[in-house]
PDB file of all heavy atoms in Angstrom:
ATOM      1  N   MET A   1      93.581 124.453  82.455  1.00  0.00           N
ATOM      2  CA  MET A   1      93.091 123.143  82.946  1.00  0.00           C
ATOM      3  C   MET A   1      93.948 122.002  82.285  1.00  0.00           C
ATOM      4  O   MET A   1      94.263 122.090  81.201  1.00  0.00           O
ATOM      5  CB  MET A   1      91.642 123.043  82.584  1.00  0.00           C
ATOM      6  CG  MET A   1      91.005 121.787  83.109  1.00  0.00           C
ATOM      7  SD  MET A   1      89.168 121.888  82.883  1.00  0.00           S
ATOM      8  CE  MET A   1      88.673 120.899  84.226  1.00  0.00           C
ATOM      9  N   ARG A   2      94.236 121.072  83.168  1.00  0.00           N
ATOM     10  CA  ARG A   2      95.131 119.957  82.761  1.00  0.00           C
ATOM     11  C   ARG A   2      94.238 118.929  81.997  1.00  0.00           C
ATOM     12  O   ARG A   2      93.030 118.713  82.350  1.00  0.00           O
ATOM     13  CB  ARG A   2      95.780 119.283  83.926  1.00  0.00           C
ATOM     14  CG  ARG A   2      96.797 120.155  84.591  1.00  0.00           C
ATOM     15  CD  ARG A   2      97.373 119.475  85.748  1.00  0.00           C
ATOM     16  NE  ARG A   2      96.292 119.052  86.669  1.00  0.00           N
ATOM     17  CZ  ARG A   2      96.370 118.928  87.906  1.00  0.00           C
ATOM     18  NH1 ARG A   2      97.496 119.177  88.528  1.00  0.00           N
ATOM     19  NH2 ARG A   2      95.434 118.466  88.730  1.00  0.00           N
ATOM     20  N   PRO A   3      94.835 118.293  80.962  1.00  0.00           N
ATOM     21  CA  PRO A   3      94.112 117.250  80.218  1.00  0.00           C
ATOM     22  C   PRO A   3      93.757 116.052  81.092  1.00  0.00           C
ATOM     23  O   PRO A   3      94.504 115.723  82.101  1.00  0.00           O
ATOM     24  CB  PRO A   3      95.152 116.801  79.211  1.00  0.00           C
ATOM     25  CG  PRO A   3      96.167 117.805  79.155  1.00  0.00           C
ATOM     26  CD  PRO A   3      96.131 118.455  80.500  1.00  0.00           C
ATOM     27  N   LEU A   4      92.653 115.386  80.775  1.00  0.00           N
ATOM     28  CA  LEU A   4      92.152 114.303  81.507  1.00  0.00           C
ATOM     29  C   LEU A   4      93.205 113.164  81.657  1.00  0.00           C
ATOM     30  O   LEU A   4      93.369 112.557  82.717  1.00  0.00           O
ATOM     31  CB  LEU A   4      90.908 113.730  80.866  1.00  0.00           C
ATOM     32  CG  LEU A   4      90.205 112.585  81.703  1.00  0.00           C
ATOM     33  CD1 LEU A   4      89.779 113.068  83.040  1.00  0.00           C
ATOM     34  CD2 LEU A   4      88.955 112.192  80.928  1.00  0.00           C
ATOM     35  N   ALA A   5      93.983 112.882  80.616  1.00  0.00           N
ATOM     36  CA  ALA A   5      94.990 111.801  80.613  1.00  0.00           C
ATOM     37  C   ALA A   5      95.951 112.207  81.743  1.00  0.00           C
ATOM     38  O   ALA A   5      96.492 111.329  82.449  1.00  0.00           O
ATOM     39  CB  ALA A   5      95.598 111.651  79.390  1.00  0.00           C
ATOM     40  N   GLN A   6      96.367 113.422  81.855  1.00  0.00           N
ATOM     41  CA  GLN A   6      97.370 113.823  82.808  1.00  0.00           C
ATOM     42  C   GLN A   6      96.770 113.662  84.202  1.00  0.00           C
ATOM     43  O   GLN A   6      97.515 113.226  85.150  1.00  0.00           O
ATOM     44  CB  GLN A   6      97.837 115.271  82.586  1.00  0.00           C
ATOM     45  CG  GLN A   6      98.855 115.723  83.585  1.00  0.00           C
ATOM     46  CD  GLN A   6      99.257 117.192  83.286  1.00  0.00           C
ATOM     47  OE1 GLN A   6      98.840 117.852  82.460  1.00  0.00           O
ATOM     48  NE2 GLN A   6     100.119 117.693  84.243  1.00  0.00           N
ATOM     49  N   LEU A   7      95.540 114.048  84.406  1.00  0.00           N
ATOM     50  CA  LEU A   7      94.930 113.899  85.772  1.00  0.00           C
ATOM     51  C   LEU A   7      94.832 112.384  86.084  1.00  0.00           C
ATOM     52  O   LEU A   7      95.066 112.115  87.286  1.00  0.00           O
ATOM     53  CB  LEU A   7      93.472 114.495  85.707  1.00  0.00           C
ATOM     54  CG  LEU A   7      93.424 115.975  85.600  1.00  0.00           C
ATOM     55  CD1 LEU A   7      91.958 116.429  85.333  1.00  0.00           C
ATOM     56  CD2 LEU A   7      93.953 116.631  86.832  1.00  0.00           C
ATOM     57  N   ARG A   8      94.529 111.552  85.182  1.00  0.00           N
ATOM     58  CA  ARG A   8      94.540 110.090  85.435  1.00  0.00           C
ATOM     59  C   ARG A   8      95.853 109.601  85.849  1.00  0.00           C
ATOM     60  O   ARG A   8      95.967 108.777  86.788  1.00  0.00           O
ATOM     61  CB  ARG A   8      93.951 109.347  84.244  1.00  0.00           C
ATOM     62  CG  ARG A   8      92.444 109.566  84.019  1.00  0.00           C
ATOM     63  CD  ARG A   8      92.068 108.873  82.790  1.00  0.00           C
ATOM     64  NE  ARG A   8      90.576 108.917  82.650  1.00  0.00           N
ATOM     65  CZ  ARG A   8      89.947 108.854  81.514  1.00  0.00           C
ATOM     66  NH1 ARG A   8      90.618 108.681  80.372  1.00  0.00           N
ATOM     67  NH2 ARG A   8      88.658 108.865  81.499  1.00  0.00           N
ATOM     68  N   GLN A   9      96.912 110.024  85.139  1.00  0.00           N
ATOM     69  CA  GLN A   9      98.308 109.590  85.496  1.00  0.00           C
ATOM     70  C   GLN A   9      98.688 110.085  86.886  1.00  0.00           C
ATOM     71  O   GLN A   9      99.197 109.328  87.723  1.00  0.00           O
ATOM     72  CB  GLN A   9      99.257 110.165  84.410  1.00  0.00           C
ATOM     73  CG  GLN A   9     100.698 109.790  84.675  1.00  0.00           C
ATOM     74  CD  GLN A   9     101.008 108.295  84.412  1.00  0.00           C
ATOM     75  OE1 GLN A   9     100.249 107.618  83.767  1.00  0.00           O
ATOM     76  NE2 GLN A   9     102.067 107.839  85.027  1.00  0.00           N
ATOM     77  N   GLU A  10      98.344 111.287  87.215  1.00  0.00           N
ATOM     78  CA  GLU A  10      98.671 111.798  88.540  1.00  0.00           C
ATOM     79  C   GLU A  10      97.890 111.130  89.623  1.00  0.00           C
ATOM     80  O   GLU A  10      98.482 110.833  90.683  1.00  0.00           O
ATOM     81  CB  GLU A  10      98.357 113.377  88.597  1.00  0.00           C
ATOM     82  CG  GLU A  10      99.346 114.131  87.704  1.00  0.00           C
ATOM     83  CD  GLU A  10      98.906 115.618  87.626  1.00  0.00           C
ATOM     84  OE1 GLU A  10      97.809 115.969  88.129  1.00  0.00           O
ATOM     85  OE2 GLU A  10      99.566 116.311  86.884  1.00  0.00           O
ATOM     86  N   PHE A  11      96.670 110.734  89.323  1.00  0.00           N
ATOM     87  CA  PHE A  11      95.871 110.041  90.288  1.00  0.00           C
ATOM     88  C   PHE A  11      96.467 108.683  90.590  1.00  0.00           C
ATOM     89  O   PHE A  11      96.713 108.241  91.784  1.00  0.00           O
ATOM     90  CB  PHE A  11      94.433 109.871  89.738  1.00  0.00           C
ATOM     91  CG  PHE A  11      93.655 108.802  90.466  1.00  0.00           C
ATOM     92  CD1 PHE A  11      93.121 109.141  91.774  1.00  0.00           C
ATOM     93  CD2 PHE A  11      93.315 107.568  89.872  1.00  0.00           C
ATOM     94  CE1 PHE A  11      92.383 108.185  92.431  1.00  0.00           C
ATOM     95  CE2 PHE A  11      92.592 106.692  90.612  1.00  0.00           C
ATOM     96  CZ  PHE A  11      92.140 106.977  91.844  1.00  0.00           C
ATOM     97  N   LEU A  12      96.900 107.903  89.451  1.00  0.00           N
ATOM     98  CA  LEU A  12      97.542 106.576  89.707  1.00  0.00           C
ATOM     99  C   LEU A  12      98.831 106.738  90.524  1.00  0.00           C
ATOM    100  O   LEU A  12      99.046 105.938  91.386  1.00  0.00           O
ATOM    101  CB  LEU A  12      97.766 105.974  88.374  1.00  0.00           C
ATOM    102  CG  LEU A  12      96.680 105.120  87.741  1.00  0.00           C
ATOM    103  CD1 LEU A  12      97.168 104.396  86.476  1.00  0.00           C
ATOM    104  CD2 LEU A  12      96.118 104.140  88.644  1.00  0.00           C
ATOM    105  N   GLU A  13      99.590 107.742  90.193  1.00  0.00           N
ATOM    106  CA  GLU A  13     100.863 107.948  90.891  1.00  0.00           C
ATOM    107  C   GLU A  13     100.585 108.179  92.360  1.00  0.00           C
ATOM    108  O   GLU A  13     101.329 107.659  93.216  1.00  0.00           O
ATOM    109  CB  GLU A  13     101.663 109.111  90.294  1.00  0.00           C
ATOM    110  CG  GLU A  13     102.224 108.781  88.933  1.00  0.00           C
ATOM    111  CD  GLU A  13     102.809 110.021  88.222  1.00  0.00           C
ATOM    112  OE1 GLU A  13     102.736 111.185  88.795  1.00  0.00           O
ATOM    113  OE2 GLU A  13     103.286 109.873  87.084  1.00  0.00           O
ATOM    114  N   SER A  14      99.573 108.949  92.695  1.00  0.00           N
ATOM    115  CA  SER A  14      99.160 109.177  94.078  1.00  0.00           C
ATOM    116  C   SER A  14      98.799 107.960  94.743  1.00  0.00           C
ATOM    117  O   SER A  14      99.114 107.600  95.955  1.00  0.00           O
ATOM    118  CB  SER A  14      98.081 110.296  94.157  1.00  0.00           C
ATOM    119  OG  SER A  14      97.540 110.320  95.355  1.00  0.00           O
ATOM    120  N   ILE A  15      97.899 107.188  94.184  1.00  0.00           N
ATOM    121  CA  ILE A  15      97.520 105.857  94.760  1.00  0.00           C
ATOM    122  C   ILE A  15      98.677 104.935  94.965  1.00  0.00           C
ATOM    123  O   ILE A  15      98.755 104.243  95.949  1.00  0.00           O
ATOM    124  CB  ILE A  15      96.455 105.206  93.849  1.00  0.00           C
ATOM    125  CG1 ILE A  15      95.112 106.038  93.912  1.00  0.00           C
ATOM    126  CG2 ILE A  15      96.087 103.754  94.280  1.00  0.00           C
ATOM    127  CD1 ILE A  15      94.383 106.022  95.142  1.00  0.00           C
ATOM    128  N   ALA A  16      99.567 104.823  93.880  1.00  0.00           N
ATOM    129  CA  ALA A  16     100.747 103.990  94.056  1.00  0.00           C
ATOM    130  C   ALA A  16     101.608 104.403  95.194  1.00  0.00           C
ATOM    131  O   ALA A  16     102.070 103.619  95.982  1.00  0.00           O
ATOM    132  CB  ALA A  16     101.507 103.997  92.736  1.00  0.00           C
ATOM    133  N   GLY A  17     101.694 105.697  95.534  1.00  0.00           N
ATOM    134  CA  GLY A  17     102.497 106.246  96.625  1.00  0.00           C
ATOM    135  C   GLY A  17     101.876 105.787  97.906  1.00  0.00           C
ATOM    136  O   GLY A  17     102.573 105.547  98.872  1.00  0.00           O
ATOM    137  N   LYS A  18     100.509 105.841  97.929  1.00  0.00           N
ATOM    138  CA  LYS A  18      99.861 105.492  99.189  1.00  0.00           C
ATOM    139  C   LYS A  18      99.867 104.005  99.535  1.00  0.00           C
ATOM    140  O   LYS A  18     100.207 103.548 100.570  1.00  0.00           O
ATOM    141  CB  LYS A  18      98.420 105.962  99.118  1.00  0.00           C
ATOM    142  CG  LYS A  18      97.602 105.641 100.328  1.00  0.00           C
ATOM    143  CD  LYS A  18      96.173 106.051 100.282  1.00  0.00           C
ATOM    144  CE  LYS A  18      95.446 105.686 101.583  1.00  0.00           C
ATOM    145  NZ  LYS A  18      93.997 106.083 101.529  1.00  0.00           N
ATOM    146  N   TYR A  19      99.549 103.157  98.484  1.00  0.00           N
ATOM    147  CA  TYR A  19      99.379 101.732  98.753  1.00  0.00           C
ATOM    148  C   TYR A  19     100.672 100.916  98.449  1.00  0.00           C
ATOM    149  O   TYR A  19     100.820  99.765  99.018  1.00  0.00           O
ATOM    150  CB  TYR A  19      98.254 101.096  97.966  1.00  0.00           C
ATOM    151  CG  TYR A  19      96.947 101.560  98.360  1.00  0.00           C
ATOM    152  CD1 TYR A  19      96.292 102.722  97.933  1.00  0.00           C
ATOM    153  CD2 TYR A  19      96.285 100.780  99.388  1.00  0.00           C
ATOM    154  CE1 TYR A  19      95.056 103.089  98.486  1.00  0.00           C
ATOM    155  CE2 TYR A  19      94.998 101.109  99.848  1.00  0.00           C
ATOM    156  CZ  TYR A  19      94.420 102.258  99.363  1.00  0.00           C
ATOM    157  OH  TYR A  19      93.215 102.704  99.887  1.00  0.00           O
ATOM    158  N   LEU A  20     101.500 101.393  97.609  1.00  0.00           N
ATOM    159  CA  LEU A  20     102.691 100.549  97.127  1.00  0.00           C
ATOM    160  C   LEU A  20     104.018 101.173  97.487  1.00  0.00           C
ATOM    161  O   LEU A  20     105.053 100.882  96.912  1.00  0.00           O
ATOM    162  CB  LEU A  20     102.559 100.398  95.614  1.00  0.00           C
ATOM    163  CG  LEU A  20     101.301  99.688  95.091  1.00  0.00           C
ATOM    164  CD1 LEU A  20     101.270  99.711  93.592  1.00  0.00           C
ATOM    165  CD2 LEU A  20     101.227  98.246  95.632  1.00  0.00           C
ATOM    166  N   ASN A  21     104.020 102.088  98.452  1.00  0.00           N
ATOM    167  CA  ASN A  21     105.157 102.835  98.768  1.00  0.00           C
ATOM    168  C   ASN A  21     106.360 101.867  99.221  1.00  0.00           C
ATOM    169  O   ASN A  21     107.511 102.233  99.008  1.00  0.00           O
ATOM    170  CB  ASN A  21     104.852 103.824  99.964  1.00  0.00           C
ATOM    171  CG  ASN A  21     105.946 104.878 100.055  1.00  0.00           C
ATOM    172  OD1 ASN A  21     106.568 105.325  99.138  1.00  0.00           O
ATOM    173  ND2 ASN A  21     106.248 105.207 101.324  1.00  0.00           N
ATOM    174  N   ASP A  22     106.004 100.871  99.816  1.00  0.00           N
ATOM    175  CA  ASP A  22     107.073  99.848 100.287  1.00  0.00           C
ATOM    176  C   ASP A  22     107.417  98.757  99.133  1.00  0.00           C
ATOM    177  O   ASP A  22     108.314  98.012  99.473  1.00  0.00           O
ATOM    178  CB  ASP A  22     106.640  99.195 101.578  1.00  0.00           C
ATOM    179  CG  ASP A  22     106.641 100.134 102.716  1.00  0.00           C
ATOM    180  OD1 ASP A  22     107.292 101.160 102.731  1.00  0.00           O
ATOM    181  OD2 ASP A  22     105.779  99.823 103.633  1.00  0.00           O
ATOM    182  N   SER A  23     106.713  98.857  98.104  1.00  0.00           N
ATOM    183  CA  SER A  23     106.926  97.832  97.084  1.00  0.00           C
ATOM    184  C   SER A  23     108.124  98.330  96.145  1.00  0.00           C
ATOM    185  O   SER A  23     108.498  99.383  96.058  1.00  0.00           O
ATOM    186  CB  SER A  23     105.661  97.746  96.178  1.00  0.00           C
ATOM    187  OG  SER A  23     104.594  97.292  97.027  1.00  0.00           O
ATOM    188  N   SER A  24     108.601  97.274  95.405  1.00  0.00           N
ATOM    189  CA  SER A  24     109.619  97.589  94.422  1.00  0.00           C
ATOM    190  C   SER A  24     109.041  98.490  93.307  1.00  0.00           C
ATOM    191  O   SER A  24     107.903  98.561  93.027  1.00  0.00           O
ATOM    192  CB  SER A  24     110.153  96.289  93.894  1.00  0.00           C
ATOM    193  OG  SER A  24     109.221  95.753  92.939  1.00  0.00           O
ATOM    194  N   ARG A  25     110.060  99.083  92.650  1.00  0.00           N
ATOM    195  CA  ARG A  25     109.737  99.926  91.498  1.00  0.00           C
ATOM    196  C   ARG A  25     109.046  99.075  90.379  1.00  0.00           C
ATOM    197  O   ARG A  25     108.140  99.569  89.664  1.00  0.00           O
ATOM    198  CB  ARG A  25     110.845 100.730  90.900  1.00  0.00           C
ATOM    199  CG  ARG A  25     111.377 101.688  91.987  1.00  0.00           C
ATOM    200  CD  ARG A  25     112.235 102.778  91.624  1.00  0.00           C
ATOM    201  NE  ARG A  25     111.953 103.719  90.564  1.00  0.00           N
ATOM    202  CZ  ARG A  25     111.020 104.726  90.652  1.00  0.00           C
ATOM    203  NH1 ARG A  25     110.286 104.781  91.664  1.00  0.00           N
ATOM    204  NH2 ARG A  25     110.913 105.591  89.694  1.00  0.00           N
ATOM    205  N   GLU A  26     109.389  97.882  90.316  1.00  0.00           N
ATOM    206  CA  GLU A  26     108.807  97.056  89.255  1.00  0.00           C
ATOM    207  C   GLU A  26     107.366  96.725  89.538  1.00  0.00           C
ATOM    208  O   GLU A  26     106.494  96.720  88.640  1.00  0.00           O
ATOM    209  CB  GLU A  26     109.646  95.756  89.077  1.00  0.00           C
ATOM    210  CG  GLU A  26     110.863  95.835  88.321  1.00  0.00           C
ATOM    211  CD  GLU A  26     110.721  96.460  86.969  1.00  0.00           C
ATOM    212  OE1 GLU A  26     109.917  95.928  86.178  1.00  0.00           O
ATOM    213  OE2 GLU A  26     111.436  97.476  86.668  1.00  0.00           O
ATOM    214  N   VAL A  27     107.136  96.444  90.755  1.00  0.00           N
ATOM    215  CA  VAL A  27     105.665  96.334  91.168  1.00  0.00           C
ATOM    216  C   VAL A  27     104.863  97.566  90.947  1.00  0.00           C
ATOM    217  O   VAL A  27     103.776  97.580  90.411  1.00  0.00           O
ATOM    218  CB  VAL A  27     105.538  95.849  92.646  1.00  0.00           C
ATOM    219  CG1 VAL A  27     104.099  95.930  93.148  1.00  0.00           C
ATOM    220  CG2 VAL A  27     106.138  94.479  92.863  1.00  0.00           C
ATOM    221  N   GLN A  28     105.406  98.739  91.241  1.00  0.00           N
ATOM    222  CA  GLN A  28     104.710  99.975  90.947  1.00  0.00           C
ATOM    223  C   GLN A  28     104.533 100.193  89.497  1.00  0.00           C
ATOM    224  O   GLN A  28     103.463 100.598  89.025  1.00  0.00           O
ATOM    225  CB  GLN A  28     105.554 101.123  91.547  1.00  0.00           C
ATOM    226  CG  GLN A  28     105.525 101.095  93.124  1.00  0.00           C
ATOM    227  CD  GLN A  28     106.318 102.282  93.674  1.00  0.00           C
ATOM    228  OE1 GLN A  28     106.746 103.219  92.975  1.00  0.00           O
ATOM    229  NE2 GLN A  28     106.564 102.142  94.946  1.00  0.00           N
ATOM    230  N   ARG A  29     105.528  99.811  88.578  1.00  0.00           N
ATOM    231  CA  ARG A  29     105.367  99.942  87.150  1.00  0.00           C
ATOM    232  C   ARG A  29     104.271  98.992  86.640  1.00  0.00           C
ATOM    233  O   ARG A  29     103.440  99.424  85.821  1.00  0.00           O
ATOM    234  CB  ARG A  29     106.666  99.591  86.467  1.00  0.00           C
ATOM    235  CG  ARG A  29     107.693 100.690  86.453  1.00  0.00           C
ATOM    236  CD  ARG A  29     108.925 100.364  85.744  1.00  0.00           C
ATOM    237  NE  ARG A  29     108.638 100.093  84.320  1.00  0.00           N
ATOM    238  CZ  ARG A  29     109.254  99.231  83.608  1.00  0.00           C
ATOM    239  NH1 ARG A  29     110.222  98.451  84.013  1.00  0.00           N
ATOM    240  NH2 ARG A  29     108.917  99.140  82.301  1.00  0.00           N
ATOM    241  N   VAL A  30     104.228  97.790  87.158  1.00  0.00           N
ATOM    242  CA  VAL A  30     103.138  96.842  86.776  1.00  0.00           C
ATOM    243  C   VAL A  30     101.828  97.445  87.235  1.00  0.00           C
ATOM    244  O   VAL A  30     100.816  97.416  86.378  1.00  0.00           O
ATOM    245  CB  VAL A  30     103.429  95.475  87.372  1.00  0.00           C
ATOM    246  CG1 VAL A  30     102.089  94.609  87.346  1.00  0.00           C
ATOM    247  CG2 VAL A  30     104.548  94.754  86.786  1.00  0.00           C
ATOM    248  N   PHE A  31     101.639  97.970  88.444  1.00  0.00           N
ATOM    249  CA  PHE A  31     100.473  98.617  88.832  1.00  0.00           C
ATOM    250  C   PHE A  31     100.023  99.742  87.879  1.00  0.00           C
ATOM    251  O   PHE A  31      98.911  99.810  87.430  1.00  0.00           O
ATOM    252  CB  PHE A  31     100.516  99.168  90.274  1.00  0.00           C
ATOM    253  CG  PHE A  31      99.415  99.996  90.672  1.00  0.00           C
ATOM    254  CD1 PHE A  31      98.128  99.482  91.064  1.00  0.00           C
ATOM    255  CD2 PHE A  31      99.627 101.379  90.635  1.00  0.00           C
ATOM    256  CE1 PHE A  31      97.065 100.349  91.345  1.00  0.00           C
ATOM    257  CE2 PHE A  31      98.514 102.241  91.073  1.00  0.00           C
ATOM    258  CZ  PHE A  31      97.273 101.741  91.357  1.00  0.00           C
ATOM    259  N   MET A  32     100.943 100.566  87.544  1.00  0.00           N
ATOM    260  CA  MET A  32     100.641 101.812  86.740  1.00  0.00           C
ATOM    261  C   MET A  32     100.233 101.377  85.397  1.00  0.00           C
ATOM    262  O   MET A  32      99.448 102.057  84.733  1.00  0.00           O
ATOM    263  CB  MET A  32     101.921 102.697  86.662  1.00  0.00           C
ATOM    264  CG  MET A  32     102.341 103.321  88.035  1.00  0.00           C
ATOM    265  SD  MET A  32     101.218 104.525  88.617  1.00  0.00           S
ATOM    266  CE  MET A  32     101.376 105.809  87.464  1.00  0.00           C
ATOM    267  N   THR A  33     100.813 100.296  84.891  1.00  0.00           N
ATOM    268  CA  THR A  33     100.537  99.804  83.510  1.00  0.00           C
ATOM    269  C   THR A  33      99.143  98.998  83.591  1.00  0.00           C
ATOM    270  O   THR A  33      98.246  99.338  82.762  1.00  0.00           O
ATOM    271  CB  THR A  33     101.637  98.914  82.951  1.00  0.00           C
ATOM    272  OG1 THR A  33     102.807  99.706  82.991  1.00  0.00           O
ATOM    273  CG2 THR A  33     101.294  98.418  81.623  1.00  0.00           C
ATOM    274  N   ARG A  34      98.933  98.115  84.421  1.00  0.00           N
ATOM    275  CA  ARG A  34      97.797  97.243  84.520  1.00  0.00           C
ATOM    276  C   ARG A  34      96.546  98.134  84.758  1.00  0.00           C
ATOM    277  O   ARG A  34      95.451  97.870  84.193  1.00  0.00           O
ATOM    278  CB  ARG A  34      97.885  96.160  85.580  1.00  0.00           C
ATOM    279  CG  ARG A  34      96.612  95.428  85.913  1.00  0.00           C
ATOM    280  CD  ARG A  34      96.234  94.411  84.819  1.00  0.00           C
ATOM    281  NE  ARG A  34      95.365  95.098  83.945  1.00  0.00           N
ATOM    282  CZ  ARG A  34      95.011  94.663  82.746  1.00  0.00           C
ATOM    283  NH1 ARG A  34      95.405  93.471  82.296  1.00  0.00           N
ATOM    284  NH2 ARG A  34      94.304  95.330  81.847  1.00  0.00           N
ATOM    285  N   PHE A  35      96.679  99.052  85.591  1.00  0.00           N
ATOM    286  CA  PHE A  35      95.474  99.833  86.011  1.00  0.00           C
ATOM    287  C   PHE A  35      95.302 101.303  85.362  1.00  0.00           C
ATOM    288  O   PHE A  35      94.474 101.990  85.828  1.00  0.00           O
ATOM    289  CB  PHE A  35      95.328  99.884  87.516  1.00  0.00           C
ATOM    290  CG  PHE A  35      95.173  98.511  88.090  1.00  0.00           C
ATOM    291  CD1 PHE A  35      96.225  97.784  88.639  1.00  0.00           C
ATOM    292  CD2 PHE A  35      93.980  97.933  88.073  1.00  0.00           C
ATOM    293  CE1 PHE A  35      96.078  96.531  89.055  1.00  0.00           C
ATOM    294  CE2 PHE A  35      93.773  96.571  88.504  1.00  0.00           C
ATOM    295  CZ  PHE A  35      94.849  95.927  89.055  1.00  0.00           C
ATOM    296  N   ALA A  36      96.135 101.467  84.356  1.00  0.00           N
ATOM    297  CA  ALA A  36      95.903 102.641  83.590  1.00  0.00           C
ATOM    298  C   ALA A  36      94.511 102.581  82.949  1.00  0.00           C
ATOM    299  O   ALA A  36      94.087 101.505  82.490  1.00  0.00           O
ATOM    300  CB  ALA A  36      97.014 102.785  82.575  1.00  0.00           C
ATOM    301  N   TYR A  37      93.900 103.678  82.941  1.00  0.00           N
ATOM    302  CA  TYR A  37      92.503 103.763  82.540  1.00  0.00           C
ATOM    303  C   TYR A  37      92.317 103.083  81.108  1.00  0.00           C
ATOM    304  O   TYR A  37      91.353 102.397  80.914  1.00  0.00           O
ATOM    305  CB  TYR A  37      91.979 105.147  82.519  1.00  0.00           C
ATOM    306  CG  TYR A  37      90.402 105.257  82.202  1.00  0.00           C
ATOM    307  CD1 TYR A  37      89.562 105.110  83.240  1.00  0.00           C
ATOM    308  CD2 TYR A  37      89.965 105.591  80.940  1.00  0.00           C
ATOM    309  CE1 TYR A  37      88.204 105.159  83.016  1.00  0.00           C
ATOM    310  CE2 TYR A  37      88.633 105.629  80.735  1.00  0.00           C
ATOM    311  CZ  TYR A  37      87.763 105.460  81.792  1.00  0.00           C
ATOM    312  OH  TYR A  37      86.410 105.549  81.518  1.00  0.00           O
ATOM    313  N   ASP A  38      93.177 103.355  80.234  1.00  0.00           N
ATOM    314  CA  ASP A  38      93.010 102.871  78.861  1.00  0.00           C
ATOM    315  C   ASP A  38      93.421 101.386  78.695  1.00  0.00           C
ATOM    316  O   ASP A  38      93.258 100.805  77.633  1.00  0.00           O
ATOM    317  CB  ASP A  38      93.854 103.728  77.846  1.00  0.00           C
ATOM    318  CG  ASP A  38      93.349 105.179  77.725  1.00  0.00           C
ATOM    319  OD1 ASP A  38      92.128 105.337  78.078  1.00  0.00           O
ATOM    320  OD2 ASP A  38      94.125 106.015  77.509  1.00  0.00           O
ATOM    321  N   ASN A  39      93.864 100.753  79.754  1.00  0.00           N
ATOM    322  CA  ASN A  39      94.321  99.374  79.673  1.00  0.00           C
ATOM    323  C   ASN A  39      93.374  98.408  80.223  1.00  0.00           C
ATOM    324  O   ASN A  39      93.661  97.229  80.380  1.00  0.00           O
ATOM    325  CB  ASN A  39      95.675  99.208  80.373  1.00  0.00           C
ATOM    326  CG  ASN A  39      96.804  99.812  79.571  1.00  0.00           C
ATOM    327  OD1 ASN A  39      96.680 100.165  78.439  1.00  0.00           O
ATOM    328  ND2 ASN A  39      97.881 100.070  80.272  1.00  0.00           N
ATOM    329  N   GLN A  40      92.154  98.818  80.509  1.00  0.00           N
ATOM    330  CA  GLN A  40      91.164  97.909  81.234  1.00  0.00           C
ATOM    331  C   GLN A  40      90.964  96.615  80.494  1.00  0.00           C
ATOM    332  O   GLN A  40      90.885  95.623  81.072  1.00  0.00           O
ATOM    333  CB  GLN A  40      89.895  98.678  81.415  1.00  0.00           C
ATOM    334  CG  GLN A  40      88.847  97.757  82.049  1.00  0.00           C
ATOM    335  CD  GLN A  40      87.438  98.465  82.253  1.00  0.00           C
ATOM    336  OE1 GLN A  40      87.390  99.534  81.810  1.00  0.00           O
ATOM    337  NE2 GLN A  40      86.525  97.805  82.841  1.00  0.00           N
ATOM    338  N   PHE A  41      90.899  96.667  79.176  1.00  0.00           N
ATOM    339  CA  PHE A  41      90.485  95.451  78.401  1.00  0.00           C
ATOM    340  C   PHE A  41      91.684  94.797  77.737  1.00  0.00           C
ATOM    341  O   PHE A  41      91.506  93.902  77.049  1.00  0.00           O
ATOM    342  CB  PHE A  41      89.437  95.809  77.409  1.00  0.00           C
ATOM    343  CG  PHE A  41      88.182  96.332  78.051  1.00  0.00           C
ATOM    344  CD1 PHE A  41      87.774  97.645  77.957  1.00  0.00           C
ATOM    345  CD2 PHE A  41      87.282  95.450  78.832  1.00  0.00           C
ATOM    346  CE1 PHE A  41      86.613  98.106  78.530  1.00  0.00           C
ATOM    347  CE2 PHE A  41      86.239  95.874  79.389  1.00  0.00           C
ATOM    348  CZ  PHE A  41      85.801  97.268  79.268  1.00  0.00           C
TER     349      PHE A  41
END
């Protein structure tokens, strides 16, 4: 079984691929950082 942190990372990558596929890599990096589970606050 994969660790929860890895599942969360894979989930964000999947969402980024769906919604931000046409966006720049920088926008995708900002999304992945801002909305990482541990970065909420």
